[in-house]
Amino acid sequence: MLLRASGHDVRTAHDGLSAVETAIAYRPNVVLLDIGLPGLNGYEVAKRLRQNPNLKNTVLIALTGYGQDTDRQASQQAGFDHHLVKPARFDQLKKIRATVQEGLKV
């Protein structure tokens, strides 16, 4: 809701397979993805998105309740660029957005 209010075009999927399909069709610059999705989990979604050449520059952000070091490592191995623990602060997203707008991946 905050992202829409800030002028961003937002698409929503409620399960892993729909998330993959939506990202392939939409080709977003950034994907915010929960790890605990029904069907395909967020790690599997990230791996599938990373395999698609049209999404190779998409920034993947894990937005999850899982915050242990092992969770962060699993996110990185799956292809996520960032790992934010819920509740994420809006300033964290703004910092990532600024990086994306500069055409960089942190």
PDB file of N, CA and C in Angstrom:
ATOM      1  N   MET A   1       0.817  -1.183   0.000  1.00  0.00           N
ATOM      2  CA  MET A   1       0.000   0.000   0.000  1.00  0.00           C
ATOM      3  C   MET A   1       0.870   1.259   0.000  1.00  0.00           C
ATOM      4  N   LEU A   2       1.927   1.278   0.813  1.00  0.00           N
ATOM      5  CA  LEU A   2       2.837   2.421   0.823  1.00  0.00           C
ATOM      6  C   LEU A   2       3.539   2.587  -0.514  1.00  0.00           C
ATOM      7  N   LEU A   3       3.860   1.490  -1.156  1.00  0.00           N
ATOM      8  CA  LEU A   3       4.539   1.574  -2.447  1.00  0.00           C
ATOM      9  C   LEU A   3       3.619   2.186  -3.494  1.00  0.00           C
ATOM     10  N   ARG A   4       2.352   1.771  -3.515  1.00  0.00           N
ATOM     11  CA  ARG A   4       1.388   2.371  -4.445  1.00  0.00           C
ATOM     12  C   ARG A   4       1.218   3.854  -4.151  1.00  0.00           C
ATOM     13  N   ALA A   5       1.087   4.187  -2.883  1.00  0.00           N
ATOM     14  CA  ALA A   5       0.905   5.586  -2.493  1.00  0.00           C
ATOM     15  C   ALA A   5       2.112   6.435  -2.869  1.00  0.00           C
ATOM     16  N   SER A   6       3.269   5.789  -3.005  1.00  0.00           N
ATOM     17  CA  SER A   6       4.489   6.499  -3.401  1.00  0.00           C
ATOM     18  C   SER A   6       4.653   6.552  -4.919  1.00  0.00           C
ATOM     19  N   GLY A   7       3.644   6.075  -5.650  1.00  0.00           N
ATOM     20  CA  GLY A   7       3.674   6.177  -7.098  1.00  0.00           C
ATOM     21  C   GLY A   7       4.220   4.977  -7.842  1.00  0.00           C
ATOM     22  N   HIS A   8       4.445   3.872  -7.158  1.00  0.00           N
ATOM     23  CA  HIS A   8       4.981   2.675  -7.806  1.00  0.00           C
ATOM     24  C   HIS A   8       3.853   1.818  -8.369  1.00  0.00           C
ATOM     25  N   ASP A   9       4.114   1.176  -9.492  1.00  0.00           N
ATOM     26  CA  ASP A   9       3.184   0.225 -10.087  1.00  0.00           C
ATOM     27  C   ASP A   9       3.384  -1.103  -9.373  1.00  0.00           C
ATOM     28  N   VAL A  10       2.365  -1.587  -8.702  1.00  0.00           N
ATOM     29  CA  VAL A  10       2.481  -2.770  -7.851  1.00  0.00           C
ATOM     30  C   VAL A  10       1.595  -3.883  -8.396  1.00  0.00           C
ATOM     31  N   ARG A  11       2.148  -5.074  -8.497  1.00  0.00           N
ATOM     32  CA  ARG A  11       1.397  -6.283  -8.852  1.00  0.00           C
ATOM     33  C   ARG A  11       1.495  -7.228  -7.665  1.00  0.00           C
ATOM     34  N   THR A  12       0.443  -7.991  -7.428  1.00  0.00           N
ATOM     35  CA  THR A  12       0.396  -8.875  -6.269  1.00  0.00           C
ATOM     36  C   THR A  12       0.111 -10.311  -6.697  1.00  0.00           C
ATOM     37  N   ALA A  13       0.785 -11.248  -6.076  1.00  0.00           N
ATOM     38  CA  ALA A  13       0.516 -12.676  -6.255  1.00  0.00           C
ATOM     39  C   ALA A  13       0.405 -13.293  -4.869  1.00  0.00           C
ATOM     40  N   HIS A  14      -0.455 -14.279  -4.741  1.00  0.00           N
ATOM     41  CA  HIS A  14      -0.713 -14.855  -3.419  1.00  0.00           C
ATOM     42  C   HIS A  14      -0.124 -16.246  -3.222  1.00  0.00           C
ATOM     43  N   ASP A  15       0.586 -16.740  -4.224  1.00  0.00           N
ATOM     44  CA  ASP A  15       1.263 -18.024  -4.090  1.00  0.00           C
ATOM     45  C   ASP A  15       2.492 -18.004  -4.992  1.00  0.00           C
ATOM     46  N   GLY A  16       3.368 -18.969  -4.789  1.00  0.00           N
ATOM     47  CA  GLY A  16       4.639 -18.983  -5.500  1.00  0.00           C
ATOM     48  C   GLY A  16       4.520 -19.084  -7.004  1.00  0.00           C
ATOM     49  N   LEU A  17       3.675 -19.975  -7.496  1.00  0.00           N
ATOM     50  CA  LEU A  17       3.539 -20.145  -8.939  1.00  0.00           C
ATOM     51  C   LEU A  17       2.987 -18.884  -9.591  1.00  0.00           C
ATOM     52  N   SER A  18       1.991 -18.264  -8.961  1.00  0.00           N
ATOM     53  CA  SER A  18       1.450 -17.004  -9.484  1.00  0.00           C
ATOM     54  C   SER A  18       2.508 -15.908  -9.470  1.00  0.00           C
ATOM     55  N   ALA A  19       3.372 -15.920  -8.472  1.00  0.00           N
ATOM     56  CA  ALA A  19       4.449 -14.924  -8.405  1.00  0.00           C
ATOM     57  C   ALA A  19       5.396 -15.075  -9.588  1.00  0.00           C
ATOM     58  N   VAL A  20       5.749 -16.310  -9.918  1.00  0.00           N
ATOM     59  CA  VAL A  20       6.623 -16.554 -11.071  1.00  0.00           C
ATOM     60  C   VAL A  20       5.937 -16.082 -12.347  1.00  0.00           C
ATOM     61  N   GLU A  21       4.684 -16.475 -12.541  1.00  0.00           N
ATOM     62  CA  GLU A  21       3.945 -16.100 -13.747  1.00  0.00           C
ATOM     63  C   GLU A  21       3.799 -14.590 -13.867  1.00  0.00           C
ATOM     64  N   THR A  22       3.488 -13.927 -12.765  1.00  0.00           N
ATOM     65  CA  THR A  22       3.320 -12.475 -12.777  1.00  0.00           C
ATOM     66  C   THR A  22       4.629 -11.782 -13.117  1.00  0.00           C
ATOM     67  N   ALA A  23       5.716 -12.219 -12.523  1.00  0.00           N
ATOM     68  CA  ALA A  23       7.017 -11.594 -12.790  1.00  0.00           C
ATOM     69  C   ALA A  23       7.445 -11.798 -14.241  1.00  0.00           C
ATOM     70  N   ILE A  24       7.218 -12.970 -14.784  1.00  0.00           N
ATOM     71  CA  ILE A  24       7.592 -13.229 -16.178  1.00  0.00           C
ATOM     72  C   ILE A  24       6.779 -12.347 -17.116  1.00  0.00           C
ATOM     73  N   ALA A  25       5.490 -12.196 -16.846  1.00  0.00           N
ATOM     74  CA  ALA A  25       4.627 -11.383 -17.701  1.00  0.00           C
ATOM     75  C   ALA A  25       4.905  -9.891 -17.551  1.00  0.00           C
ATOM     76  N   TYR A  26       5.193  -9.451 -16.342  1.00  0.00           N
ATOM     77  CA  TYR A  26       5.312  -8.027 -16.028  1.00  0.00           C
ATOM     78  C   TYR A  26       6.735  -7.490 -16.166  1.00  0.00           C
ATOM     79  N   ARG A  27       7.740  -8.305 -15.904  1.00  0.00           N
ATOM     80  CA  ARG A  27       9.156  -7.924 -15.937  1.00  0.00           C
ATOM     81  C   ARG A  27       9.462  -6.713 -15.041  1.00  0.00           C
ATOM     82  N   PRO A  28       9.252  -6.864 -13.755  1.00  0.00           N
ATOM     83  CA  PRO A  28       9.463  -5.742 -12.831  1.00  0.00           C
ATOM     84  C   PRO A  28      10.941  -5.437 -12.607  1.00  0.00           C
ATOM     85  N   ASN A  29      11.203  -4.229 -12.147  1.00  0.00           N
ATOM     86  CA  ASN A  29      12.557  -3.848 -11.742  1.00  0.00           C
ATOM     87  C   ASN A  29      12.903  -4.445 -10.384  1.00  0.00           C
ATOM     88  N   VAL A  30      11.885  -4.569  -9.531  1.00  0.00           N
ATOM     89  CA  VAL A  30      12.072  -5.051  -8.156  1.00  0.00           C
ATOM     90  C   VAL A  30      10.948  -6.025  -7.818  1.00  0.00           C
ATOM     91  N   VAL A  31      11.292  -7.097  -7.107  1.00  0.00           N
ATOM     92  CA  VAL A  31      10.294  -8.041  -6.597  1.00  0.00           C
ATOM     93  C   VAL A  31      10.486  -8.157  -5.092  1.00  0.00           C
ATOM     94  N   LEU A  32       9.422  -7.870  -4.338  1.00  0.00           N
ATOM     95  CA  LEU A  32       9.379  -8.118  -2.895  1.00  0.00           C
ATOM     96  C   LEU A  32       8.706  -9.467  -2.721  1.00  0.00           C
ATOM     97  N   LEU A  33       9.364 -10.382  -2.051  1.00  0.00           N
ATOM     98  CA  LEU A  33       8.884 -11.751  -2.037  1.00  0.00           C
ATOM     99  C   LEU A  33       8.974 -12.349  -0.640  1.00  0.00           C
ATOM    100  N   ASP A  34       7.863 -12.882  -0.165  1.00  0.00           N
ATOM    101  CA  ASP A  34       7.861 -13.598   1.108  1.00  0.00           C
ATOM    102  C   ASP A  34       8.467 -14.985   0.894  1.00  0.00           C
ATOM    103  N   ILE A  35       9.124 -15.513   1.886  1.00  0.00           N
ATOM    104  CA  ILE A  35       9.699 -16.853   1.793  1.00  0.00           C
ATOM    105  C   ILE A  35       8.618 -17.916   1.997  1.00  0.00           C
ATOM    106  N   GLY A  36       7.701 -17.672   2.913  1.00  0.00           N
ATOM    107  CA  GLY A  36       6.695 -18.669   3.273  1.00  0.00           C
ATOM    108  C   GLY A  36       5.458 -18.629   2.403  1.00  0.00           C
ATOM    109  N   LEU A  37       5.624 -18.741   1.096  1.00  0.00           N
ATOM    110  CA  LEU A  37       4.488 -18.747   0.176  1.00  0.00           C
ATOM    111  C   LEU A  37       3.902 -20.146   0.043  1.00  0.00           C
ATOM    112  N   PRO A  38       2.591 -20.240  -0.199  1.00  0.00           N
ATOM    113  CA  PRO A  38       2.017 -21.553  -0.493  1.00  0.00           C
ATOM    114  C   PRO A  38       2.465 -22.043  -1.870  1.00  0.00           C
ATOM    115  N   GLY A  39       2.478 -23.338  -2.030  1.00  0.00           N
ATOM    116  CA  GLY A  39       2.945 -23.900  -3.306  1.00  0.00           C
ATOM    117  C   GLY A  39       4.456 -23.836  -3.346  1.00  0.00           C
ATOM    118  N   LEU A  40       4.989 -23.089  -4.289  1.00  0.00           N
ATOM    119  CA  LEU A  40       6.437 -22.861  -4.341  1.00  0.00           C
ATOM    120  C   LEU A  40       6.813 -21.878  -3.250  1.00  0.00           C
ATOM    121  N   ASN A  41       7.845 -22.183  -2.466  1.00  0.00           N
ATOM    122  CA  ASN A  41       8.266 -21.203  -1.462  1.00  0.00           C
ATOM    123  C   ASN A  41       9.083 -20.096  -2.136  1.00  0.00           C
ATOM    124  N   GLY A  42       9.368 -19.055  -1.392  1.00  0.00           N
ATOM    125  CA  GLY A  42      10.082 -17.908  -1.938  1.00  0.00           C
ATOM    126  C   GLY A  42      11.460 -18.234  -2.478  1.00  0.00           C
ATOM    127  N   TYR A  43      12.147 -19.186  -1.865  1.00  0.00           N
ATOM    128  CA  TYR A  43      13.462 -19.583  -2.367  1.00  0.00           C
ATOM    129  C   TYR A  43      13.348 -20.171  -3.774  1.00  0.00           C
ATOM    130  N   GLU A  44      12.362 -21.036  -3.967  1.00  0.00           N
ATOM    131  CA  GLU A  44      12.167 -21.661  -5.279  1.00  0.00           C
ATOM    132  C   GLU A  44      11.733 -20.621  -6.311  1.00  0.00           C
ATOM    133  N   VAL A  45      10.886 -19.692  -5.898  1.00  0.00           N
ATOM    134  CA  VAL A  45      10.475 -18.617  -6.813  1.00  0.00           C
ATOM    135  C   VAL A  45      11.696 -17.819  -7.252  1.00  0.00           C
ATOM    136  N   ALA A  46      12.540 -17.450  -6.303  1.00  0.00           N
ATOM    137  CA  ALA A  46      13.747 -16.676  -6.631  1.00  0.00           C
ATOM    138  C   ALA A  46      14.633 -17.439  -7.609  1.00  0.00           C
ATOM    139  N   LYS A  47      14.820 -18.721  -7.376  1.00  0.00           N
ATOM    140  CA  LYS A  47      15.647 -19.532  -8.280  1.00  0.00           C
ATOM    141  C   LYS A  47      15.067 -19.539  -9.688  1.00  0.00           C
ATOM    142  N   ARG A  48      13.755 -19.681  -9.793  1.00  0.00           N
ATOM    143  CA  ARG A  48      13.117 -19.694 -11.117  1.00  0.00           C
ATOM    144  C   ARG A  48      13.232 -18.337 -11.805  1.00  0.00           C
ATOM    145  N   LEU A  49      13.067 -17.272 -11.044  1.00  0.00           N
ATOM    146  CA  LEU A  49      13.195 -15.938 -11.640  1.00  0.00           C
ATOM    147  C   LEU A  49      14.615 -15.704 -12.125  1.00  0.00           C
ATOM    148  N   ARG A  50      15.592 -16.170 -11.374  1.00  0.00           N
ATOM    149  CA  ARG A  50      16.997 -16.001 -11.763  1.00  0.00           C
ATOM    150  C   ARG A  50      17.338 -16.793 -13.028  1.00  0.00           C
ATOM    151  N   GLN A  51      16.593 -17.837 -13.308  1.00  0.00           N
ATOM    152  CA  GLN A  51      16.836 -18.635 -14.513  1.00  0.00           C
ATOM    153  C   GLN A  51      16.278 -17.977 -15.770  1.00  0.00           C
ATOM    154  N   ASN A  52      15.408 -16.987 -15.611  1.00  0.00           N
ATOM    155  CA  ASN A  52      14.785 -16.327 -16.758  1.00  0.00           C
ATOM    156  C   ASN A  52      15.663 -15.171 -17.222  1.00  0.00           C
ATOM    157  N   PRO A  53      16.153 -15.200 -18.470  1.00  0.00           N
ATOM    158  CA  PRO A  53      17.049 -14.142 -18.943  1.00  0.00           C
ATOM    159  C   PRO A  53      16.409 -12.754 -18.945  1.00  0.00           C
ATOM    160  N   ASN A  54      15.088 -12.681 -19.067  1.00  0.00           N
ATOM    161  CA  ASN A  54      14.409 -11.382 -19.060  1.00  0.00           C
ATOM    162  C   ASN A  54      14.354 -10.756 -17.671  1.00  0.00           C
ATOM    163  N   LEU A  55      14.674 -11.533 -16.653  1.00  0.00           N
ATOM    164  CA  LEU A  55      14.611 -11.037 -15.276  1.00  0.00           C
ATOM    165  C   LEU A  55      15.983 -10.991 -14.616  1.00  0.00           C
ATOM    166  N   LYS A  56      17.040 -11.102 -15.408  1.00  0.00           N
ATOM    167  CA  LYS A  56      18.389 -11.185 -14.830  1.00  0.00           C
ATOM    168  C   LYS A  56      18.789  -9.923 -14.066  1.00  0.00           C
ATOM    169  N   ASN A  57      18.224  -8.772 -14.417  1.00  0.00           N
ATOM    170  CA  ASN A  57      18.562  -7.531 -13.715  1.00  0.00           C
ATOM    171  C   ASN A  57      17.530  -7.130 -12.672  1.00  0.00           C
ATOM    172  N   THR A  58      16.520  -7.954 -12.482  1.00  0.00           N
ATOM    173  CA  THR A  58      15.496  -7.667 -11.485  1.00  0.00           C
ATOM    174  C   THR A  58      16.091  -7.816 -10.089  1.00  0.00           C
ATOM    175  N   VAL A  59      15.843  -6.845  -9.249  1.00  0.00           N
ATOM    176  CA  VAL A  59      16.314  -6.893  -7.863  1.00  0.00           C
ATOM    177  C   VAL A  59      15.299  -7.696  -7.054  1.00  0.00           C
ATOM    178  N   LEU A  60      15.767  -8.743  -6.408  1.00  0.00           N
ATOM    179  CA  LEU A  60      14.905  -9.596  -5.593  1.00  0.00           C
ATOM    180  C   LEU A  60      15.138  -9.299  -4.116  1.00  0.00           C
ATOM    181  N   ILE A  61      14.043  -9.007  -3.425  1.00  0.00           N
ATOM    182  CA  ILE A  61      14.101  -8.680  -2.002  1.00  0.00           C
ATOM    183  C   ILE A  61      13.256  -9.684  -1.233  1.00  0.00           C
ATOM    184  N   ALA A  62      13.889 -10.424  -0.342  1.00  0.00           N
ATOM    185  CA  ALA A  62      13.152 -11.306   0.561  1.00  0.00           C
ATOM    186  C   ALA A  62      12.587 -10.441   1.677  1.00  0.00           C
ATOM    187  N   LEU A  63      11.284 -10.483   1.855  1.00  0.00           N
ATOM    188  CA  LEU A  63      10.607  -9.764   2.927  1.00  0.00           C
ATOM    189  C   LEU A  63       9.922 -10.833   3.765  1.00  0.00           C
ATOM    190  N   THR A  64      10.521 -11.163   4.905  1.00  0.00           N
ATOM    191  CA  THR A  64      10.138 -12.388   5.601  1.00  0.00           C
ATOM    192  C   THR A  64      10.256 -12.263   7.112  1.00  0.00           C
ATOM    193  N   GLY A  65       9.637 -13.181   7.789  1.00  0.00           N
ATOM    194  CA  GLY A  65       9.780 -13.273   9.236  1.00  0.00           C
ATOM    195  C   GLY A  65      10.994 -14.077   9.651  1.00  0.00           C
ATOM    196  N   TYR A  66      11.670 -14.689   8.683  1.00  0.00           N
ATOM    197  CA  TYR A  66      12.842 -15.515   8.956  1.00  0.00           C
ATOM    198  C   TYR A  66      14.091 -14.646   8.958  1.00  0.00           C
ATOM    199  N   GLY A  67      14.732 -14.490  10.113  1.00  0.00           N
ATOM    200  CA  GLY A  67      15.845 -13.562  10.203  1.00  0.00           C
ATOM    201  C   GLY A  67      17.153 -14.115  10.738  1.00  0.00           C
ATOM    202  N   GLN A  68      17.254 -15.430  10.876  1.00  0.00           N
ATOM    203  CA  GLN A  68      18.499 -16.026  11.363  1.00  0.00           C
ATOM    204  C   GLN A  68      19.571 -15.973  10.275  1.00  0.00           C
ATOM    205  N   ASP A  69      20.818 -16.130  10.677  1.00  0.00           N
ATOM    206  CA  ASP A  69      21.917 -16.133   9.697  1.00  0.00           C
ATOM    207  C   ASP A  69      21.720 -17.205   8.632  1.00  0.00           C
ATOM    208  N   THR A  70      21.227 -18.367   9.036  1.00  0.00           N
ATOM    209  CA  THR A  70      20.999 -19.442   8.056  1.00  0.00           C
ATOM    210  C   THR A  70      19.916 -19.048   7.054  1.00  0.00           C
ATOM    211  N   ASP A  71      18.920 -18.278   7.498  1.00  0.00           N
ATOM    212  CA  ASP A  71      17.870 -17.803   6.595  1.00  0.00           C
ATOM    213  C   ASP A  71      18.439 -16.814   5.580  1.00  0.00           C
ATOM    214  N   ARG A  72      19.296 -15.931   6.045  1.00  0.00           N
ATOM    215  CA  ARG A  72      19.923 -14.948   5.151  1.00  0.00           C
ATOM    216  C   ARG A  72      20.827 -15.647   4.130  1.00  0.00           C
ATOM    217  N   GLN A  73      21.539 -16.662   4.579  1.00  0.00           N
ATOM    218  CA  GLN A  73      22.393 -17.425   3.659  1.00  0.00           C
ATOM    219  C   GLN A  73      21.552 -18.151   2.615  1.00  0.00           C
ATOM    220  N   ALA A  74      20.435 -18.724   3.041  1.00  0.00           N
ATOM    221  CA  ALA A  74      19.548 -19.419   2.101  1.00  0.00           C
ATOM    222  C   ALA A  74      18.973 -18.441   1.081  1.00  0.00           C
ATOM    223  N   SER A  75      18.654 -17.227   1.523  1.00  0.00           N
ATOM    224  CA  SER A  75      18.160 -16.201   0.598  1.00  0.00           C
ATOM    225  C   SER A  75      19.213 -15.865  -0.443  1.00  0.00           C
ATOM    226  N   GLN A  76      20.420 -15.662   0.014  1.00  0.00           N
ATOM    227  CA  GLN A  76      21.509 -15.329  -0.902  1.00  0.00           C
ATOM    228  C   GLN A  76      21.744 -16.464  -1.898  1.00  0.00           C
ATOM    229  N   GLN A  77      21.745 -17.694  -1.426  1.00  0.00           N
ATOM    230  CA  GLN A  77      21.962 -18.846  -2.306  1.00  0.00           C
ATOM    231  C   GLN A  77      20.838 -19.000  -3.329  1.00  0.00           C
ATOM    232  N   ALA A  78      19.628 -18.589  -2.968  1.00  0.00           N
ATOM    233  CA  ALA A  78      18.491 -18.687  -3.889  1.00  0.00           C
ATOM    234  C   ALA A  78      18.520 -17.593  -4.947  1.00  0.00           C
ATOM    235  N   GLY A  79      19.310 -16.542  -4.707  1.00  0.00           N
ATOM    236  CA  GLY A  79      19.415 -15.475  -5.695  1.00  0.00           C
ATOM    237  C   GLY A  79      18.861 -14.134  -5.269  1.00  0.00           C
ATOM    238  N   PHE A  80      18.468 -14.017  -4.002  1.00  0.00           N
ATOM    239  CA  PHE A  80      17.976 -12.724  -3.518  1.00  0.00           C
ATOM    240  C   PHE A  80      19.132 -11.731  -3.411  1.00  0.00           C
ATOM    241  N   ASP A  81      18.824 -10.470  -3.689  1.00  0.00           N
ATOM    242  CA  ASP A  81      19.804  -9.395  -3.543  1.00  0.00           C
ATOM    243  C   ASP A  81      19.781  -8.801  -2.140  1.00  0.00           C
ATOM    244  N   HIS A  82      18.615  -8.854  -1.499  1.00  0.00           N
ATOM    245  CA  HIS A  82      18.434  -8.265  -0.166  1.00  0.00           C
ATOM    246  C   HIS A  82      17.542  -9.182   0.658  1.00  0.00           C
ATOM    247  N   HIS A  83      17.714  -9.112   1.977  1.00  0.00           N
ATOM    248  CA  HIS A  83      16.918  -9.907   2.911  1.00  0.00           C
ATOM    249  C   HIS A  83      16.443  -8.962   4.011  1.00  0.00           C
ATOM    250  N   LEU A  84      15.149  -8.659   4.023  1.00  0.00           N
ATOM    251  CA  LEU A  84      14.576  -7.783   5.038  1.00  0.00           C
ATOM    252  C   LEU A  84      13.656  -8.596   5.935  1.00  0.00           C
ATOM    253  N   VAL A  85      13.772  -8.370   7.235  1.00  0.00           N
ATOM    254  CA  VAL A  85      12.945  -9.081   8.203  1.00  0.00           C
ATOM    255  C   VAL A  85      11.734  -8.220   8.536  1.00  0.00           C
ATOM    256  N   LYS A  86      10.561  -8.868   8.542  1.00  0.00           N
ATOM    257  CA  LYS A  86       9.313  -8.174   8.873  1.00  0.00           C
ATOM    258  C   LYS A  86       9.321  -7.765  10.336  1.00  0.00           C
ATOM    259  N   PRO A  87       8.781  -6.645  10.665  1.00  0.00           N
ATOM    260  CA  PRO A  87       8.291  -5.641   9.730  1.00  0.00           C
ATOM    261  C   PRO A  87       9.455  -4.816   9.194  1.00  0.00           C
ATOM    262  N   ALA A  88       9.550  -4.731   7.883  1.00  0.00           N
ATOM    263  CA  ALA A  88      10.618  -3.931   7.270  1.00  0.00           C
ATOM    264  C   ALA A  88      10.290  -2.453   7.449  1.00  0.00           C
ATOM    265  N   ARG A  89      11.326  -1.683   7.601  1.00  0.00           N
ATOM    266  CA  ARG A  89      11.147  -0.235   7.724  1.00  0.00           C
ATOM    267  C   ARG A  89      11.118   0.380   6.326  1.00  0.00           C
ATOM    268  N   PHE A  90      10.278   1.393   6.161  1.00  0.00           N
ATOM    269  CA  PHE A  90      10.144   2.039   4.858  1.00  0.00           C
ATOM    270  C   PHE A  90      11.465   2.661   4.414  1.00  0.00           C
ATOM    271  N   ASP A  91      12.279   3.129   5.368  1.00  0.00           N
ATOM    272  CA  ASP A  91      13.568   3.715   4.989  1.00  0.00           C
ATOM    273  C   ASP A  91      14.498   2.664   4.375  1.00  0.00           C
ATOM    274  N   GLN A  92      14.363   1.399   4.784  1.00  0.00           N
ATOM    275  CA  GLN A  92      15.158   0.335   4.161  1.00  0.00           C
ATOM    276  C   GLN A  92      14.769   0.182   2.689  1.00  0.00           C
ATOM    277  N   LEU A  93      13.473   0.197   2.417  1.00  0.00           N
ATOM    278  CA  LEU A  93      12.996   0.083   1.036  1.00  0.00           C
ATOM    279  C   LEU A  93      13.392   1.301   0.213  1.00  0.00           C
ATOM    280  N   LYS A  94      13.344   2.471   0.823  1.00  0.00           N
ATOM    281  CA  LYS A  94      13.739   3.688   0.099  1.00  0.00           C
ATOM    282  C   LYS A  94      15.215   3.645  -0.279  1.00  0.00           C
ATOM    283  N   LYS A  95      16.041   3.114   0.599  1.00  0.00           N
ATOM    284  CA  LYS A  95      17.472   3.003   0.305  1.00  0.00           C
ATOM    285  C   LYS A  95      17.708   2.051  -0.867  1.00  0.00           C
ATOM    286  N   ILE A  96      17.016   0.931  -0.857  1.00  0.00           N
ATOM    287  CA  ILE A  96      17.134  -0.016  -1.968  1.00  0.00           C
ATOM    288  C   ILE A  96      16.612   0.625  -3.246  1.00  0.00           C
ATOM    289  N   ARG A  97      15.496   1.332  -3.163  1.00  0.00           N
ATOM    290  CA  ARG A  97      14.929   2.013  -4.337  1.00  0.00           C
ATOM    291  C   ARG A  97      15.928   2.986  -4.929  1.00  0.00           C
ATOM    292  N   ALA A  98      16.597   3.751  -4.096  1.00  0.00           N
ATOM    293  CA  ALA A  98      17.591   4.709  -4.590  1.00  0.00           C
ATOM    294  C   ALA A  98      18.706   3.990  -5.330  1.00  0.00           C
ATOM    295  N   THR A  99      19.116   2.862  -4.814  1.00  0.00           N
ATOM    296  CA  THR A  99      20.156   2.066  -5.465  1.00  0.00           C
ATOM    297  C   THR A  99      19.676   1.556  -6.821  1.00  0.00           C
ATOM    298  N   VAL A 100      18.437   1.078  -6.867  1.00  0.00           N
ATOM    299  CA  VAL A 100      17.871   0.574  -8.122  1.00  0.00           C
ATOM    300  C   VAL A 100      17.791   1.700  -9.142  1.00  0.00           C
ATOM    301  N   GLN A 101      17.372   2.874  -8.705  1.00  0.00           N
ATOM    302  CA  GLN A 101      17.253   4.004  -9.621  1.00  0.00           C
ATOM    303  C   GLN A 101      18.602   4.418 -10.182  1.00  0.00           C
ATOM    304  N   GLU A 102      19.654   4.165  -9.459  1.00  0.00           N
ATOM    305  CA  GLU A 102      21.004   4.455  -9.951  1.00  0.00           C
ATOM    306  C   GLU A 102      21.502   3.350 -10.876  1.00  0.00           C
ATOM    307  N   GLY A 103      20.707   2.288 -11.019  1.00  0.00           N
ATOM    308  CA  GLY A 103      21.092   1.190 -11.891  1.00  0.00           C
ATOM    309  C   GLY A 103      22.088   0.237 -11.275  1.00  0.00           C
ATOM    310  N   LEU A 104      22.172   0.244  -9.941  1.00  0.00           N
ATOM    311  CA  LEU A 104      23.126  -0.614  -9.241  1.00  0.00           C
ATOM    312  C   LEU A 104      22.396  -1.640  -8.409  1.00  0.00           C
ATOM    313  N   LYS A 105      23.080  -2.720  -8.096  1.00  0.00           N
ATOM    314  CA  LYS A 105      22.607  -3.704  -7.127  1.00  0.00           C
ATOM    315  C   LYS A 105      23.575  -3.672  -5.962  1.00  0.00           C
ATOM    316  N   VAL A 106      23.053  -3.479  -4.775  1.00  0.00           N
ATOM    317  CA  VAL A 106      23.901  -3.477  -3.583  1.00  0.00           C
ATOM    318  C   VAL A 106      24.124  -4.901  -3.147  1.00  0.00           C
TER     319      VAL A 106
END
